[in-house]
């Protein structure tokens, strides 16, 4: 199945950066240290074929080698999309779930006393760090599955709003981390 450049709307844009885009900000030992862990526009692994990945895809050891990869912004329909996602064979019945993974290194997780996550999403998103949920936006509470829909449909300018959250660094590990 081909990736079609005329796809209709953004599904999800996601990444981490520091204090001003898509970002992480940290305070360590009383000093403010801004550091980009996952810069905007970086390469992401993604699954856009409309197949249920279960929950094992969240774990750091999951083999995503068969997944596609592309630079953010990932989605469909807008001019600023870098990687177009496949929405399925029927434009009136688009896939509702897409999966994204990004590895990033951390040398010393104890350096960080706080993280900031920023995400643009359409319609909803649940974000995991090393297999543990760290953030959700426009999604119902509780377990999510392949068929879980967002709380509300997002349209127009709402699709371009950055959603920021302060998150705990306790899920970081020394070495490779998976978002």
Foldseek 3Di string as FASTA:
>chain_A
DDFDQQAADFAWFFDAPWDDDFHWWFDFPNRTDGDTFTDAFDKKFKAQALDWPWQPVLAPPDDSVVTDMWTPPEGHRDPPGGHYGDQDDDSVRGQQDMDIKDKTADADLNRGAKIKGKIQGFPWDWDGKNSHTWDIDQFDDDDDTSPGHGVDGDDDCSNVDIDMDMTGSVSDDHTMMMD
